[in-house]
Amino acid sequence: MERIYIIEDDENIRNLLKIALEGFGYEARGFETAEEGLAGMKEQAPDLVIFDWMLPRMDGVTAIRQVRRTGELKDIPIMLLTAKDKELDKVVGLDCGADDYMVKPLAFWNCPPGSGACCAGQSGMRIWMFCPIRIYPSTKRPGRSAAADGLRNLL
């Protein structure tokens, strides 16, 4: 079972993501701070990490840079999920080592079919995110059609 860590200080968002991921068969674990998340990653490496940017004490960007400098963790795919929506924020977020960048709040009704962000690990695991409570495992087909199929099945 693939393991996904959620590092998010907002308990409601963290719990929604955790419940959604577990509902789709992933093992999900939530952490309130970057320090807790990094300690958890060193104990047991996840297959994917979802980081918030604005965390207490150490921010997500600083934590991602630290992950990318840690030998055994440096190749873990990381998605940055944040309220920072400026173009420069996206550049900084991706430049620090995030593999994907999504702006919150996200709502189901403003995510058109076939859109979303994909984060794929070396294991080939892919998740598609449409909003904080809808995450779909890929069907191994290339492109966005797998996610769109998952969305259509929900409607």
Protein backbone atom coordinates (compact mmCIF):
# COMPACT_ATOMS: atom_id res chain seq x y z
CA MET A 1 0.00 0.00 0.00
CA GLU A 2 1.42 3.36 -1.01
CA ARG A 3 2.08 5.82 1.81
CA ILE A 4 1.31 9.54 1.56
CA TYR A 5 2.25 12.11 4.18
CA ILE A 6 0.27 15.33 4.58
CA ILE A 7 2.11 18.18 6.28
CA GLU A 8 -0.58 20.79 6.88
CA ASP A 9 -1.21 22.94 9.96
CA ASP A 10 -4.93 23.38 9.24
CA GLU A 11 -6.47 20.38 10.99
CA ASN A 12 -9.61 20.40 8.83
CA ILE A 13 -7.70 20.30 5.53
CA ARG A 14 -5.27 17.72 6.92
CA ASN A 15 -8.13 15.46 8.05
CA LEU A 16 -10.08 15.83 4.79
CA LEU A 17 -7.03 14.88 2.75
CA LYS A 18 -6.28 11.95 5.04
CA ILE A 19 -9.85 10.61 4.87
CA ALA A 20 -9.97 11.01 1.07
CA LEU A 21 -6.62 9.28 0.54
CA GLU A 22 -7.52 6.41 2.86
CA GLY A 23 -10.84 6.04 1.03
CA PHE A 24 -8.89 5.45 -2.19
CA GLY A 25 -6.69 2.82 -0.61
CA TYR A 26 -3.63 4.85 0.33
CA GLU A 27 -2.01 4.81 3.72
CA ALA A 28 -2.13 8.44 4.82
CA ARG A 29 -0.50 10.11 7.78
CA GLY A 30 -0.89 13.73 8.82
CA PHE A 31 1.55 16.06 10.54
CA GLU A 32 0.90 19.55 11.89
CA THR A 33 4.43 20.94 11.52
CA ALA A 34 7.32 20.55 9.11
CA GLU A 35 9.51 19.30 11.94
CA GLU A 36 7.04 16.49 12.77
CA GLY A 37 6.73 15.60 9.10
CA LEU A 38 10.49 15.47 8.57
CA ALA A 39 10.90 13.26 11.63
CA GLY A 40 8.18 10.95 10.32
CA MET A 41 9.86 10.82 6.90
CA LYS A 42 13.14 9.77 8.51
CA GLU A 43 11.36 7.00 10.45
CA GLN A 44 9.56 5.65 7.40
CA ALA A 45 9.85 7.20 3.94
CA PRO A 46 6.55 7.89 2.18
CA ASP A 47 5.82 7.46 -1.53
CA LEU A 48 4.53 11.05 -1.77
CA VAL A 49 4.45 14.13 0.48
CA ILE A 50 1.90 16.94 0.33
CA PHE A 51 3.37 20.05 1.98
CA ASP A 52 1.63 23.26 2.94
CA TRP A 53 3.85 26.32 2.47
CA MET A 54 2.79 28.42 5.44
CA LEU A 55 3.51 26.24 8.46
CA PRO A 56 4.41 27.33 12.00
CA ARG A 57 8.14 27.60 12.75
CA MET A 58 9.73 25.98 9.66
CA ASP A 59 7.82 26.76 6.45
CA GLY A 60 7.14 24.17 3.77
CA VAL A 61 9.64 25.61 1.27
CA THR A 62 12.47 25.38 3.79
CA ALA A 63 11.40 21.82 4.67
CA ILE A 64 11.29 20.80 1.00
CA ARG A 65 14.81 22.13 0.50
CA GLN A 66 15.91 20.06 3.49
CA VAL A 67 14.25 16.92 2.04
CA ARG A 68 16.02 17.47 -1.29
CA ARG A 69 19.39 17.59 0.54
CA THR A 70 18.72 14.35 2.46
CA GLY A 71 20.14 11.40 0.55
CA GLU A 72 17.52 8.74 1.29
CA LEU A 73 14.61 11.18 0.92
CA LYS A 74 15.74 13.39 -1.98
CA ASP A 75 13.78 11.57 -4.69
CA ILE A 76 10.40 11.46 -2.91
CA PRO A 77 7.79 13.29 -5.00
CA ILE A 78 6.47 16.41 -3.28
CA MET A 79 3.34 18.41 -3.97
CA LEU A 80 3.06 21.92 -2.54
CA LEU A 81 -0.54 22.76 -1.63
CA THR A 82 -0.79 26.39 -0.58
CA ALA A 83 -2.84 29.59 -0.50
CA LYS A 84 0.04 31.48 -2.16
CA ASP A 85 -1.23 32.16 -5.67
CA LYS A 86 1.18 34.67 -7.23
CA GLU A 87 3.33 33.66 -10.21
CA LEU A 88 6.51 34.35 -8.24
CA ASP A 89 5.25 32.08 -5.44
CA LYS A 90 4.84 29.25 -7.94
CA VAL A 91 8.36 29.82 -9.27
CA VAL A 92 9.81 29.79 -5.74
CA GLY A 93 7.73 26.73 -4.79
CA LEU A 94 8.85 24.68 -7.77
CA ASP A 95 12.41 25.98 -7.59
CA CYS A 96 12.76 24.81 -3.98
CA GLY A 97 12.21 21.24 -5.14
CA ALA A 98 8.44 20.67 -5.23
CA ASP A 99 7.33 18.48 -8.14
CA ASP A 100 3.93 20.12 -8.38
CA TYR A 101 2.17 23.22 -7.06
CA MET A 102 -1.52 23.60 -6.29
CA VAL A 103 -3.30 26.65 -4.94
CA LYS A 104 -5.97 26.40 -2.25
CA PRO A 105 -8.74 26.80 -1.57
CA LEU A 106 -9.80 24.49 -4.34
CA ALA A 107 -13.43 23.76 -4.98
CA PHE A 108 -14.92 20.89 -6.91
CA TRP A 109 -17.07 23.17 -9.06
CA ASN A 110 -14.16 25.25 -10.36
CA CYS A 111 -12.06 22.29 -11.46
CA PRO A 112 -13.05 21.40 -15.03
CA PRO A 113 -12.86 17.75 -16.12
CA GLY A 114 -9.37 16.80 -17.23
CA SER A 115 -7.65 19.46 -15.13
CA GLY A 116 -5.69 18.88 -11.99
CA ALA A 117 -2.17 18.23 -10.88
CA CYS A 118 -0.33 14.97 -11.12
CA CYS A 119 2.56 13.88 -8.99
CA ALA A 120 4.28 10.65 -10.00
CA GLY A 121 6.94 8.86 -8.03
CA GLN A 122 9.68 6.56 -9.26
CA SER A 123 7.43 3.66 -8.32
CA GLY A 124 5.01 4.86 -10.99
CA MET A 125 2.40 5.86 -8.42
CA ARG A 126 0.28 8.78 -9.60
CA ILE A 127 -2.44 10.72 -7.87
CA TRP A 128 -4.67 13.32 -9.43
CA MET A 129 -5.94 16.11 -7.22
CA PHE A 130 -9.02 18.08 -8.10
CA CYS A 131 -9.66 19.57 -4.67
CA PRO A 132 -8.70 18.77 -1.09
CA ILE A 133 -11.29 16.03 -0.77
CA ARG A 134 -11.16 14.35 -4.19
CA ILE A 135 -8.03 12.40 -5.07
CA TYR A 136 -7.98 9.67 -7.69
CA PRO A 137 -5.45 6.90 -8.26
CA SER A 138 -4.43 6.70 -11.90
CA THR A 139 -5.50 3.74 -14.01
CA LYS A 140 -2.00 3.51 -15.53
CA ARG A 141 -3.23 5.06 -18.78
CA PRO A 142 -1.17 8.05 -19.86
CA GLY A 143 -2.46 11.60 -19.83
CA ARG A 144 -5.37 13.27 -18.14
CA SER A 145 -8.05 10.90 -19.40
CA ALA A 146 -7.68 8.60 -16.40
CA ALA A 147 -8.47 11.45 -14.05
CA ALA A 148 -11.32 12.67 -16.20
CA ASP A 149 -12.80 9.16 -16.16
CA GLY A 150 -12.62 9.18 -12.37
CA LEU A 151 -14.36 12.53 -12.26
CA ARG A 152 -17.11 11.42 -14.66
CA ASN A 153 -17.73 8.30 -12.55
CA LEU A 154 -18.36 10.52 -9.54
CA LEU A 155 -20.95 12.69 -11.29
